[in-house]
C-alpha atoms as a PDB file:
ATOM      1  CA  MET A   1      28.828   4.057 -65.422  1.00  0.00           C
ATOM      2  CA  ALA A   2      27.025   1.522 -63.217  1.00  0.00           C
ATOM      3  CA  LEU A   3      30.025   1.292 -60.903  1.00  0.00           C
ATOM      4  CA  LYS A   4      30.187   5.077 -60.646  1.00  0.00           C
ATOM      5  CA  PHE A   5      26.459   5.166 -59.853  1.00  0.00           C
ATOM      6  CA  LEU A   6      26.815   2.565 -57.080  1.00  0.00           C
ATOM      7  CA  GLN A   7      29.785   4.335 -55.609  1.00  0.00           C
ATOM      8  CA  ARG A   8      27.887   7.594 -55.663  1.00  0.00           C
ATOM      9  CA  GLY A   9      24.845   5.936 -53.938  1.00  0.00           C
ATOM     10  CA  ALA A  10      27.038   4.414 -51.226  1.00  0.00           C
ATOM     11  CA  LEU A  11      28.646   7.791 -50.683  1.00  0.00           C
ATOM     12  CA  LEU A  12      25.234   9.434 -50.275  1.00  0.00           C
ATOM     13  CA  THR A  13      24.213   6.715 -47.774  1.00  0.00           C
ATOM     14  CA  LEU A  14      27.351   7.217 -45.675  1.00  0.00           C
ATOM     15  CA  LEU A  15      26.826  10.974 -45.772  1.00  0.00           C
ATOM     16  CA  ALA A  16      23.240  10.535 -44.635  1.00  0.00           C
ATOM     17  CA  LEU A  17      24.349   8.322 -41.739  1.00  0.00           C
ATOM     18  CA  ALA A  18      27.420  10.366 -40.902  1.00  0.00           C
ATOM     19  CA  PRO A  19      27.552  11.049 -37.149  1.00  0.00           C
ATOM     20  CA  ASP A  20      26.339  14.428 -36.043  1.00  0.00           C
ATOM     21  CA  ALA A  21      28.762  16.473 -33.993  1.00  0.00           C
ATOM     22  CA  HIS A  22      25.991  16.943 -31.396  1.00  0.00           C
ATOM     23  CA  ALA A  23      24.840  13.284 -31.369  1.00  0.00           C
ATOM     24  CA  ALA A  24      25.321  11.230 -28.203  1.00  0.00           C
ATOM     25  CA  GLU A  25      26.054   7.553 -27.799  1.00  0.00           C
ATOM     26  CA  PHE A  26      24.232   5.016 -25.637  1.00  0.00           C
ATOM     27  CA  LEU A  27      25.963   1.856 -24.438  1.00  0.00           C
ATOM     28  CA  VAL A  28      23.675  -1.156 -24.689  1.00  0.00           C
ATOM     29  CA  LYS A  29      23.721  -3.348 -21.608  1.00  0.00           C
ATOM     30  CA  THR A  30      21.569  -5.955 -19.949  1.00  0.00           C
ATOM     31  CA  GLU A  31      19.624  -4.748 -16.925  1.00  0.00           C
ATOM     32  CA  MET A  32      16.990  -6.019 -14.567  1.00  0.00           C
ATOM     33  CA  VAL A  33      13.443  -4.850 -15.239  1.00  0.00           C
ATOM     34  CA  GLU A  34      10.329  -5.487 -13.214  1.00  0.00           C
ATOM     35  CA  GLU A  35       7.502  -7.597 -14.530  1.00  0.00           C
ATOM     36  CA  ALA A  36       4.193  -5.870 -13.843  1.00  0.00           C
ATOM     37  CA  LYS A  37       0.754  -7.446 -13.808  1.00  0.00           C
ATOM     38  CA  ALA A  38      -2.458  -5.519 -14.310  1.00  0.00           C
ATOM     39  CA  VAL A  39      -5.084  -6.368 -11.715  1.00  0.00           C
ATOM     40  CA  PHE A  40      -8.257  -4.744 -10.494  1.00  0.00           C
ATOM     41  CA  GLY A  41      -8.133  -2.759  -7.286  1.00  0.00           C
ATOM     42  CA  ARG A  42     -11.278  -1.986  -5.326  1.00  0.00           C
ATOM     43  CA  VAL A  43     -11.550   1.297  -3.419  1.00  0.00           C
ATOM     44  CA  GLU A  44     -12.309   0.590   0.226  1.00  0.00           C
ATOM     45  CA  SER A  45     -12.924   2.833   3.210  1.00  0.00           C
ATOM     46  CA  ARG A  46     -10.700   2.373   6.233  1.00  0.00           C
ATOM     47  CA  ASN A  47     -13.630   2.912   8.611  1.00  0.00           C
ATOM     48  CA  LEU A  48     -17.300   2.214   7.944  1.00  0.00           C
ATOM     49  CA  VAL A  49     -19.184   3.591  10.947  1.00  0.00           C
ATOM     50  CA  PRO A  50     -22.969   3.735  11.360  1.00  0.00           C
ATOM     51  CA  ALA A  51     -24.538   6.797  12.980  1.00  0.00           C
ATOM     52  CA  ARG A  52     -27.275   5.444  15.248  1.00  0.00           C
ATOM     53  CA  ALA A  53     -30.231   7.000  17.028  1.00  0.00           C
ATOM     54  CA  ARG A  54     -29.824   7.214  20.797  1.00  0.00           C
ATOM     55  CA  ILE A  55     -33.557   7.363  21.495  1.00  0.00           C
ATOM     56  CA  GLY A  56     -36.640   6.016  19.795  1.00  0.00           C
ATOM     57  CA  GLY A  57     -39.172   8.314  18.198  1.00  0.00           C
ATOM     58  CA  THR A  58     -40.154  10.036  14.974  1.00  0.00           C
ATOM     59  CA  VAL A  59     -37.567  11.472  12.575  1.00  0.00           C
ATOM     60  CA  GLN A  60     -38.208  15.196  12.495  1.00  0.00           C
ATOM     61  CA  SER A  61     -35.429  16.241  10.084  1.00  0.00           C
ATOM     62  CA  VAL A  62     -32.502  14.823   8.099  1.00  0.00           C
ATOM     63  CA  THR A  63     -29.719  17.229   7.126  1.00  0.00           C
ATOM     64  CA  VAL A  64     -27.525  14.937   4.967  1.00  0.00           C
ATOM     65  CA  VAL A  65     -27.882  12.892   1.797  1.00  0.00           C
ATOM     66  CA  GLU A  66     -25.762  10.215   0.170  1.00  0.00           C
ATOM     67  CA  GLY A  67     -22.389  11.715  -0.684  1.00  0.00           C
ATOM     68  CA  SER A  68     -22.460  14.500   1.904  1.00  0.00           C
ATOM     69  CA  GLN A  69     -19.206  15.288   3.704  1.00  0.00           C
ATOM     70  CA  VAL A  70     -19.613  15.378   7.498  1.00  0.00           C
ATOM     71  CA  GLU A  71     -17.408  16.286  10.436  1.00  0.00           C
ATOM     72  CA  PRO A  72     -17.305  14.778  13.949  1.00  0.00           C
ATOM     73  CA  GLY A  73     -20.227  15.951  16.101  1.00  0.00           C
ATOM     74  CA  GLN A  74     -22.214  17.357  13.183  1.00  0.00           C
ATOM     75  CA  VAL A  75     -26.001  16.977  13.558  1.00  0.00           C
ATOM     76  CA  ILE A  76     -27.203  14.788  10.712  1.00  0.00           C
ATOM     77  CA  ALA A  77     -30.764  14.092  11.905  1.00  0.00           C
ATOM     78  CA  VAL A  78     -33.195  14.941  14.721  1.00  0.00           C
ATOM     79  CA  VAL A  79     -35.434  12.340  16.387  1.00  0.00           C
ATOM     80  CA  VAL A  80     -38.364  13.557  18.509  1.00  0.00           C
ATOM     81  CA  ASP A  81     -40.305  11.581  21.113  1.00  0.00           C
ATOM     82  CA  ASP A  82     -43.505  13.407  22.118  1.00  0.00           C
ATOM     83  CA  LYS A  83     -43.680  11.446  25.387  1.00  0.00           C
ATOM     84  CA  LEU A  84     -40.515  13.171  26.606  1.00  0.00           C
ATOM     85  CA  ALA A  85     -42.275  16.554  26.676  1.00  0.00           C
ATOM     86  CA  LEU A  86     -45.109  15.057  28.721  1.00  0.00           C
ATOM     87  CA  GLN A  87     -42.659  13.414  31.099  1.00  0.00           C
ATOM     88  CA  ARG A  88     -40.847  16.720  31.552  1.00  0.00           C
ATOM     89  CA  ASP A  89     -44.125  18.502  32.371  1.00  0.00           C
ATOM     90  CA  ALA A  90     -44.978  15.759  34.882  1.00  0.00           C
ATOM     91  CA  ALA A  91     -41.545  16.092  36.519  1.00  0.00           C
ATOM     92  CA  GLU A  92     -41.944  19.864  36.813  1.00  0.00           C
ATOM     93  CA  ALA A  93     -45.408  19.424  38.369  1.00  0.00           C
ATOM     94  CA  VAL A  94     -43.943  17.038  40.957  1.00  0.00           C
ATOM     95  CA  MET A  95     -41.198  19.554  41.706  1.00  0.00           C
ATOM     96  CA  THR A  96     -43.777  22.332  42.215  1.00  0.00           C
ATOM     97  CA  ALA A  97     -45.816  20.151  44.608  1.00  0.00           C
ATOM     98  CA  LEU A  98     -42.727  19.156  46.597  1.00  0.00           C
ATOM     99  CA  GLN A  99     -41.604  22.749  46.851  1.00  0.00           C
ATOM    100  CA  SER A 100     -45.007  23.692  48.323  1.00  0.00           C
ATOM    101  CA  GLN A 101     -44.751  20.857  50.822  1.00  0.00           C
ATOM    102  CA  ILE A 102     -41.252  21.965  51.773  1.00  0.00           C
ATOM    103  CA  ASP A 103     -42.459  25.517  52.393  1.00  0.00           C
ATOM    104  CA  ASN A 104     -45.285  24.213  54.597  1.00  0.00           C
ATOM    105  CA  ALA A 105     -42.925  21.860  56.476  1.00  0.00           C
ATOM    106  CA  GLN A 106     -40.441  24.683  57.017  1.00  0.00           C
ATOM    107  CA  THR A 107     -43.214  26.837  58.476  1.00  0.00           C
ATOM    108  CA  GLU A 108     -44.168  24.018  60.865  1.00  0.00           C
ATOM    109  CA  LEU A 109     -40.505  23.632  61.863  1.00  0.00           C
ATOM    110  CA  ASP A 110     -40.158  27.361  62.636  1.00  0.00           C
ATOM    111  CA  ARG A 111     -43.366  27.316  64.751  1.00  0.00           C
ATOM    112  CA  ALA A 112     -42.212  24.200  66.664  1.00  0.00           C
ATOM    113  CA  GLU A 113     -38.839  25.806  67.414  1.00  0.00           C
ATOM    114  CA  GLN A 114     -40.600  28.934  68.788  1.00  0.00           C
ATOM    115  CA  LEU A 115     -42.873  26.820  70.994  1.00  0.00           C
ATOM    116  CA  LEU A 116     -39.865  24.803  72.183  1.00  0.00           C
ATOM    117  CA  ALA A 117     -38.095  28.030  73.119  1.00  0.00           C
ATOM    118  CA  SER A 118     -41.126  29.142  75.158  1.00  0.00           C
ATOM    119  CA  GLY A 119     -41.418  25.725  76.804  1.00  0.00           C
ATOM    120  CA  THR A 120     -44.859  24.898  75.481  1.00  0.00           C
ATOM    121  CA  ALA A 121     -43.860  22.182  72.923  1.00  0.00           C
ATOM    122  CA  PRO A 122     -41.757  19.031  73.293  1.00  0.00           C
ATOM    123  CA  ARG A 123     -38.451  18.519  71.439  1.00  0.00           C
ATOM    124  CA  THR A 124     -39.876  15.490  69.608  1.00  0.00           C
ATOM    125  CA  ARG A 125     -42.197  17.779  67.672  1.00  0.00           C
ATOM    126  CA  VAL A 126     -39.229  19.853  66.489  1.00  0.00           C
ATOM    127  CA  ASP A 127     -37.296  16.738  65.453  1.00  0.00           C
ATOM    128  CA  GLN A 128     -40.306  15.418  63.569  1.00  0.00           C
ATOM    129  CA  ALA A 129     -40.770  18.706  61.686  1.00  0.00           C
ATOM    130  CA  ARG A 130     -37.035  18.894  60.826  1.00  0.00           C
ATOM    131  CA  THR A 131     -37.121  15.310  59.514  1.00  0.00           C
ATOM    132  CA  GLU A 132     -40.136  16.153  57.363  1.00  0.00           C
ATOM    133  CA  VAL A 133     -38.270  19.093  55.824  1.00  0.00           C
ATOM    134  CA  GLU A 134     -35.193  16.941  55.075  1.00  0.00           C
ATOM    135  CA  VAL A 135     -37.260  14.155  53.481  1.00  0.00           C
ATOM    136  CA  LEU A 136     -39.143  16.570  51.233  1.00  0.00           C
ATOM    137  CA  THR A 137     -35.884  18.307  50.275  1.00  0.00           C
ATOM    138  CA  SER A 138     -34.383  14.965  49.199  1.00  0.00           C
ATOM    139  CA  GLN A 139     -37.502  14.140  47.187  1.00  0.00           C
ATOM    140  CA  LEU A 140     -37.239  17.527  45.435  1.00  0.00           C
ATOM    141  CA  ALA A 141     -33.591  16.809  44.550  1.00  0.00           C
ATOM    142  CA  ALA A 142     -34.638  13.425  43.112  1.00  0.00           C
ATOM    143  CA  ALA A 143     -37.389  15.098  41.066  1.00  0.00           C
ATOM    144  CA  ARG A 144     -34.878  17.622  39.685  1.00  0.00           C
ATOM    145  CA  ALA A 145     -32.518  14.803  38.732  1.00  0.00           C
ATOM    146  CA  ASN A 146     -35.375  13.018  36.982  1.00  0.00           C
ATOM    147  CA  ARG A 147     -36.147  16.163  35.012  1.00  0.00           C
ATOM    148  CA  SER A 148     -32.466  16.451  34.030  1.00  0.00           C
ATOM    149  CA  VAL A 149     -32.563  12.892  32.710  1.00  0.00           C
ATOM    150  CA  ILE A 150     -35.625  13.686  30.620  1.00  0.00           C
ATOM    151  CA  GLU A 151     -33.983  16.838  29.255  1.00  0.00           C
ATOM    152  CA  GLN A 152     -30.842  14.873  28.388  1.00  0.00           C
ATOM    153  CA  GLN A 153     -32.951  12.324  26.534  1.00  0.00           C
ATOM    154  CA  SER A 154     -34.528  15.186  24.597  1.00  0.00           C
ATOM    155  CA  HIS A 155     -31.031  16.434  23.603  1.00  0.00           C
ATOM    156  CA  GLU A 156     -30.038  12.907  22.565  1.00  0.00           C
ATOM    157  CA  GLY A 157     -32.650  13.119  19.853  1.00  0.00           C
ATOM    158  CA  GLU A 158     -29.937  14.845  17.804  1.00  0.00           C
ATOM    159  CA  VAL A 159     -28.083  12.170  15.831  1.00  0.00           C
ATOM    160  CA  LEU A 160     -24.401  13.155  15.623  1.00  0.00           C
ATOM    161  CA  ALA A 161     -21.795  12.085  13.103  1.00  0.00           C
ATOM    162  CA  PRO A 162     -19.293   9.750  14.837  1.00  0.00           C
ATOM    163  CA  GLY A 163     -16.402  10.921  12.650  1.00  0.00           C
ATOM    164  CA  SER A 164     -15.406  12.759   9.507  1.00  0.00           C
ATOM    165  CA  GLY A 165     -16.074  11.180   6.128  1.00  0.00           C
ATOM    166  CA  ARG A 166     -18.623  10.756   3.373  1.00  0.00           C
ATOM    167  CA  VAL A 167     -22.178   9.551   3.873  1.00  0.00           C
ATOM    168  CA  LEU A 168     -22.753   6.324   1.950  1.00  0.00           C
ATOM    169  CA  ARG A 169     -26.323   5.431   2.945  1.00  0.00           C
ATOM    170  CA  VAL A 170     -29.257   7.193   4.590  1.00  0.00           C
ATOM    171  CA  PRO A 171     -31.896   4.445   5.088  1.00  0.00           C
ATOM    172  CA  ILE A 172     -34.477   6.707   6.791  1.00  0.00           C
ATOM    173  CA  THR A 173     -36.828   9.510   5.759  1.00  0.00           C
ATOM    174  CA  VAL A 174     -38.518  12.351   7.586  1.00  0.00           C
ATOM    175  CA  GLY A 175     -41.564  11.075   9.477  1.00  0.00           C
ATOM    176  CA  ALA A 176     -40.223   7.547   9.885  1.00  0.00           C
ATOM    177  CA  VAL A 177     -40.517   5.925  13.317  1.00  0.00           C
ATOM    178  CA  ILE A 178     -37.263   4.381  14.528  1.00  0.00           C
ATOM    179  CA  LEU A 179     -36.062   2.633  17.671  1.00  0.00           C
ATOM    180  CA  ALA A 180     -33.105   3.441  19.874  1.00  0.00           C
ATOM    181  CA  GLY A 181     -29.920   2.076  18.309  1.00  0.00           C
ATOM    182  CA  GLU A 182     -31.313   1.985  14.788  1.00  0.00           C
ATOM    183  CA  GLU A 183     -28.990   3.096  11.983  1.00  0.00           C
ATOM    184  CA  VAL A 184     -29.639   6.573  10.623  1.00  0.00           C
ATOM    185  CA  ALA A 185     -26.661   6.908   8.243  1.00  0.00           C
ATOM    186  CA  THR A 186     -23.515   5.011   7.267  1.00  0.00           C
ATOM    187  CA  ILE A 187     -20.325   7.068   7.111  1.00  0.00           C
ATOM    188  CA  ALA A 188     -17.119   6.074   5.338  1.00  0.00           C
ATOM    189  CA  GLY A 189     -14.154   7.728   7.001  1.00  0.00           C
ATOM    190  CA  GLY A 190     -10.533   7.330   7.958  1.00  0.00           C
ATOM    191  CA  GLY A 191      -9.263   7.622   4.378  1.00  0.00           C
ATOM    192  CA  TYR A 192      -9.390   5.282   1.417  1.00  0.00           C
ATOM    193  CA  PHE A 193      -7.157   2.515   0.113  1.00  0.00           C
ATOM    194  CA  LEU A 194      -7.144  -0.099  -2.645  1.00  0.00           C
ATOM    195  CA  ARG A 195      -7.849  -3.748  -1.949  1.00  0.00           C
ATOM    196  CA  LEU A 196      -6.213  -6.075  -4.502  1.00  0.00           C
ATOM    197  CA  SER A 197      -7.012  -9.718  -5.205  1.00  0.00           C
ATOM    198  CA  LEU A 198      -4.122 -11.556  -6.882  1.00  0.00           C
ATOM    199  CA  PRO A 199      -3.827 -15.105  -8.232  1.00  0.00           C
ATOM    200  CA  GLU A 200      -2.194 -17.590  -5.895  1.00  0.00           C
ATOM    201  CA  ARG A 201       0.868 -17.974  -8.137  1.00  0.00           C
ATOM    202  CA  HIS A 202       1.916 -14.400  -7.332  1.00  0.00           C
ATOM    203  CA  ALA A 203       1.652 -14.805  -3.560  1.00  0.00           C
ATOM    204  CA  SER A 204       5.376 -15.438  -3.128  1.00  0.00           C
ATOM    205  CA  GLU A 205       6.413 -12.663  -5.540  1.00  0.00           C
ATOM    206  CA  ILE A 206       4.690  -9.635  -4.050  1.00  0.00           C
ATOM    207  CA  VAL A 207       6.530  -7.859  -1.247  1.00  0.00           C
ATOM    208  CA  GLU A 208       5.309  -5.229   1.191  1.00  0.00           C
ATOM    209  CA  GLY A 209       6.832  -1.868   0.303  1.00  0.00           C
ATOM    210  CA  ASP A 210       6.675  -2.370  -3.491  1.00  0.00           C
ATOM    211  CA  THR A 211       5.607   0.615  -5.582  1.00  0.00           C
ATOM    212  CA  VAL A 212       2.499   0.194  -7.746  1.00  0.00           C
ATOM    213  CA  ILE A 213       0.965   2.304 -10.507  1.00  0.00           C
ATOM    214  CA  VAL A 214      -2.720   3.190 -10.421  1.00  0.00           C
ATOM    215  CA  GLY A 215      -4.202   3.790 -13.853  1.00  0.00           C
ATOM    216  CA  GLU A 216      -6.789   6.298 -14.958  1.00  0.00           C
ATOM    217  CA  ARG A 217     -10.328   5.875 -13.746  1.00  0.00           C
ATOM    218  CA  GLY A 218     -12.027   3.190 -15.784  1.00  0.00           C
ATOM    219  CA  LEU A 219     -11.611  -0.520 -16.381  1.00  0.00           C
ATOM    220  CA  SER A 220      -9.939  -0.478 -19.817  1.00  0.00           C
ATOM    221  CA  PRO A 221      -6.180  -0.124 -20.375  1.00  0.00           C
ATOM    222  CA  ALA A 222      -4.682   2.197 -22.966  1.00  0.00           C
ATOM    223  CA  ALA A 223      -4.560   1.142 -26.603  1.00  0.00           C
ATOM    224  CA  ASP A 224      -0.892   0.141 -26.300  1.00  0.00           C
ATOM    225  CA  GLU A 225      -1.587  -1.658 -22.985  1.00  0.00           C
ATOM    226  CA  ARG A 226       0.755   0.752 -21.290  1.00  0.00           C
ATOM    227  CA  PRO A 227      -0.389   2.013 -17.886  1.00  0.00           C
ATOM    228  CA  THR A 228      -1.278   5.672 -17.819  1.00  0.00           C
ATOM    229  CA  ALA A 229      -0.282   6.562 -14.289  1.00  0.00           C
ATOM    230  CA  THR A 230      -2.479   8.958 -12.371  1.00  0.00           C
ATOM    231  CA  HIS A 231      -1.367   7.878  -8.885  1.00  0.00           C
ATOM    232  CA  VAL A 232       1.586   6.037  -7.444  1.00  0.00           C
ATOM    233  CA  GLY A 233       0.892   3.827  -4.450  1.00  0.00           C
ATOM    234  CA  LYS A 234       2.710   1.585  -2.040  1.00  0.00           C
ATOM    235  CA  LEU A 235       1.931  -2.002  -1.120  1.00  0.00           C
ATOM    236  CA  VAL A 236       1.496  -1.837   2.644  1.00  0.00           C
ATOM    237  CA  LYS A 237      -0.049  -5.175   3.591  1.00  0.00           C
ATOM    238  CA  VAL A 238      -0.227  -8.705   2.229  1.00  0.00           C
ATOM    239  CA  TYR A 239      -2.790 -10.895   3.971  1.00  0.00           C
ATOM    240  CA  PRO A 240      -1.403 -14.262   5.124  1.00  0.00           C
ATOM    241  CA  GLU A 241      -4.381 -16.247   3.834  1.00  0.00           C
ATOM    242  CA  ILE A 242      -5.251 -17.617   0.426  1.00  0.00           C
ATOM    243  CA  SER A 243      -8.952 -17.981  -0.240  1.00  0.00           C
ATOM    244  CA  SER A 244     -10.394 -19.542  -3.420  1.00  0.00           C
ATOM    245  CA  GLY A 245      -6.953 -19.466  -5.025  1.00  0.00           C
ATOM    246  CA  ARG A 246      -6.413 -15.739  -4.473  1.00  0.00           C
ATOM    247  CA  VAL A 247      -4.389 -13.629  -2.053  1.00  0.00           C
ATOM    248  CA  GLU A 248      -5.453 -10.151  -0.952  1.00  0.00           C
ATOM    249  CA  ALA A 249      -3.236  -7.109  -0.514  1.00  0.00           C
ATOM    250  CA  ASP A 250      -3.770  -3.469   0.447  1.00  0.00           C
ATOM    251  CA  VAL A 251      -2.269  -0.480  -1.360  1.00  0.00           C
ATOM    252  CA  GLU A 252      -1.983   3.009   0.127  1.00  0.00           C
ATOM    253  CA  VAL A 253      -2.616   5.728  -2.470  1.00  0.00           C
ATOM    254  CA  ASP A 254      -2.939   9.469  -1.968  1.00  0.00           C
ATOM    255  CA  GLY A 255      -5.761  11.279  -3.713  1.00  0.00           C
ATOM    256  CA  LEU A 256      -8.482   8.622  -3.709  1.00  0.00           C
ATOM    257  CA  GLY A 257     -10.956  10.893  -1.939  1.00  0.00           C
ATOM    258  CA  ASP A 258     -12.869  11.596  -5.152  1.00  0.00           C
ATOM    259  CA  TYR A 259     -13.296   7.906  -5.998  1.00  0.00           C
ATOM    260  CA  PHE A 260     -16.483   6.030  -5.203  1.00  0.00           C
ATOM    261  CA  VAL A 261     -16.261   3.496  -2.423  1.00  0.00           C
ATOM    262  CA  GLY A 262     -16.373   0.132  -4.169  1.00  0.00           C
ATOM    263  CA  GLU A 263     -15.120   1.580  -7.463  1.00  0.00           C
ATOM    264  CA  ARG A 264     -12.679  -0.629  -9.376  1.00  0.00           C
ATOM    265  CA  THR A 265      -9.603   0.605 -11.220  1.00  0.00           C
ATOM    266  CA  LEU A 266      -6.615  -0.971 -12.927  1.00  0.00           C
ATOM    267  CA  VAL A 267      -3.428  -1.331 -10.896  1.00  0.00           C
ATOM    268  CA  TRP A 268      -0.045  -2.474 -12.192  1.00  0.00           C
ATOM    269  CA  ILE A 269       1.818  -4.339  -9.479  1.00  0.00           C
ATOM    270  CA  PRO A 270       5.352  -5.807  -9.736  1.00  0.00           C
ATOM    271  CA  VAL A 271       5.305  -9.599  -9.646  1.00  0.00           C
ATOM    272  CA  GLY A 272       8.906 -10.436 -10.612  1.00  0.00           C
ATOM    273  CA  ARG A 273      12.171  -9.335 -12.231  1.00  0.00           C
ATOM    274  CA  ARG A 274      13.960 -10.425 -15.415  1.00  0.00           C
ATOM    275  CA  GLU A 275      16.931  -9.477 -17.580  1.00  0.00           C
ATOM    276  CA  ALA A 276      16.265  -7.291 -20.598  1.00  0.00           C
ATOM    277  CA  ILE A 277      17.874  -4.823 -22.988  1.00  0.00           C
ATOM    278  CA  ALA A 278      16.200  -1.429 -22.923  1.00  0.00           C
ATOM    279  CA  VAL A 279      17.165   1.672 -24.908  1.00  0.00           C
ATOM    280  CA  PRO A 280      15.802   5.224 -24.996  1.00  0.00           C
ATOM    281  CA  LYS A 281      12.656   5.455 -27.046  1.00  0.00           C
ATOM    282  CA  THR A 282      14.141   8.333 -29.043  1.00  0.00           C
ATOM    283  CA  ALA A 283      16.783   5.926 -30.424  1.00  0.00           C
ATOM    284  CA  VAL A 284      14.166   3.962 -32.387  1.00  0.00           C
ATOM    285  CA  ILE A 285      13.239   5.046 -35.901  1.00  0.00           C
ATOM    286  CA  THR A 286      10.216   3.508 -37.640  1.00  0.00           C
ATOM    287  CA  ARG A 287      10.336   3.388 -41.410  1.00  0.00           C
ATOM    288  CA  HIS A 288       7.738   1.575 -43.553  1.00  0.00           C
ATOM    289  CA  GLY A 289       6.520  -0.368 -40.543  1.00  0.00           C
ATOM    290  CA  VAL A 290      10.016  -1.581 -39.563  1.00  0.00           C
ATOM    291  CA  ASP A 291      11.838  -0.369 -36.445  1.00  0.00           C
ATOM    292  CA  TYR A 292      15.509   0.578 -36.707  1.00  0.00           C
ATOM    293  CA  VAL A 293      18.269   1.790 -34.398  1.00  0.00           C
ATOM    294  CA  THR A 294      21.557   3.357 -35.454  1.00  0.00           C
ATOM    295  CA  LEU A 295      24.747   1.583 -34.372  1.00  0.00           C
ATOM    296  CA  ALA A 296      28.094   3.343 -34.092  1.00  0.00           C
ATOM    297  CA  GLY A 297      30.483   1.262 -36.207  1.00  0.00           C
ATOM    298  CA  ALA A 298      34.140   1.473 -37.125  1.00  0.00           C
ATOM    299  CA  ILE A 299      33.383   2.839 -40.593  1.00  0.00           C
ATOM    300  CA  GLY A 300      30.446   4.965 -39.483  1.00  0.00           C
ATOM    301  CA  PRO A 301      26.854   4.691 -38.294  1.00  0.00           C
ATOM    302  CA  MET A 302      24.640   1.958 -39.694  1.00  0.00           C
ATOM    303  CA  GLU A 303      21.002   1.105 -39.180  1.00  0.00           C
ATOM    304  CA  VAL A 304      19.933  -2.242 -37.728  1.00  0.00           C
ATOM    305  CA  ALA A 305      16.378  -3.608 -37.676  1.00  0.00           C
ATOM    306  CA  VAL A 306      15.099  -4.519 -34.204  1.00  0.00           C
ATOM    307  CA  ILE A 307      12.008  -6.065 -32.645  1.00  0.00           C
ATOM    308  CA  LEU A 308      10.482  -3.986 -29.863  1.00  0.00           C
ATOM    309  CA  GLY A 309       8.922  -5.149 -26.630  1.00  0.00           C
ATOM    310  CA  GLU A 310       7.216  -3.264 -23.812  1.00  0.00           C
ATOM    311  CA  THR A 311       7.583   0.454 -23.267  1.00  0.00           C
ATOM    312  CA  PHE A 312       8.112   1.775 -19.767  1.00  0.00           C
ATOM    313  CA  ALA A 313       9.354   4.862 -17.983  1.00  0.00           C
ATOM    314  CA  ASP A 314      12.110   5.350 -15.441  1.00  0.00           C
ATOM    315  CA  ALA A 315      14.137   8.215 -13.997  1.00  0.00           C
ATOM    316  CA  THR A 316      15.912   8.800 -17.351  1.00  0.00           C
ATOM    317  CA  GLY A 317      12.738   8.982 -19.435  1.00  0.00           C
ATOM    318  CA  ASP A 318      10.787   6.676 -21.733  1.00  0.00           C
ATOM    319  CA  ARG A 319      12.524   3.377 -22.474  1.00  0.00           C
ATOM    320  CA  VAL A 320      11.641   0.564 -24.864  1.00  0.00           C
ATOM    321  CA  GLU A 321      12.681  -3.075 -24.555  1.00  0.00           C
ATOM    322  CA  ILE A 322      14.595  -4.630 -27.453  1.00  0.00           C
ATOM    323  CA  LEU A 323      13.673  -8.270 -28.001  1.00  0.00           C
ATOM    324  CA  SER A 324      15.961  -8.933 -30.955  1.00  0.00           C
ATOM    325  CA  GLY A 325      18.632  -7.133 -32.979  1.00  0.00           C
ATOM    326  CA  LEU A 326      20.986  -5.807 -30.279  1.00  0.00           C
ATOM    327  CA  HIS A 327      23.610  -7.308 -28.014  1.00  0.00           C
ATOM    328  CA  GLU A 328      25.212  -6.133 -24.810  1.00  0.00           C
ATOM    329  CA  GLY A 329      28.129  -3.825 -25.572  1.00  0.00           C
ATOM    330  CA  ASP A 330      26.678  -2.289 -28.736  1.00  0.00           C
ATOM    331  CA  ARG A 331      26.845   1.476 -29.001  1.00  0.00           C
ATOM    332  CA  LEU A 332      23.823   3.387 -30.265  1.00  0.00           C
ATOM    333  CA  VAL A 333      23.864   6.816 -31.866  1.00  0.00           C
ATOM    334  CA  LEU A 334      21.188   8.984 -30.288  1.00  0.00           C
ATOM    335  CA  PRO A 335      19.725  11.964 -32.127  1.00  0.00           C
END
């Protein structure tokens, strides 16, 4: 009876592990996998340009705040110098006086030419009157140019954005007195990138052109220490200098426009390659805290306990590394 019971149990086990007609097989083989290291990347702006006042005076208005998006040529503040209005009035008064003198000199020139035609005045008087008209005309042109300069200075009271980007700092307020050349706002533009700082031991392992994974916003990895990719970037520059035992590198990533400048985020960067056995994650069955895979044997499928390593993703889907329990050439039964 005991023998019959054992035979019946073995039969049930073989039936339970009998290969499904729709099951597929996976050939176990050794492959090269990349070793990734999690480091902190700091969001940096490609350009950090200050918008400066072109004239000194009092800030009349400010149209932007920290975080505002600006475009090239946009007016972000207005600086007013009350002396410019007085200088313009003085220039216009000089122009009016010169115009009156020109009219009087032109009248004298016309009278001298009439007397010269009648023979009662010398030619020197005509030449003197003509010279007077020309001198006053030149002075009027200089006064007009001076007024144009004053008007241009008045227009330069508008502080313009030097480029497109986000406003990081606005160190002035309405009513503040500033000098020419003083900073009105700081604008971060030209796009954003990630600046990495790696230990010196990885300096020879990182290569320009490598693909990196940018994790979710925040400084903590997932519970299983697996990177949750939100962006994929490319290592575009490795700086040829090691400072304080660290080497810096830049990563180009699309979609960083909503990050804060200076914000830190986790980045997984490849630092080497090694041989490993990796199988589809669906091939692993966990039972009572032990991980198993199903091998295709000569007498039928059988389960083998394995020790799992890191989980990663590739073009075929989620894969898991097998540290122990499988050998190259084994055939797995996939569900």
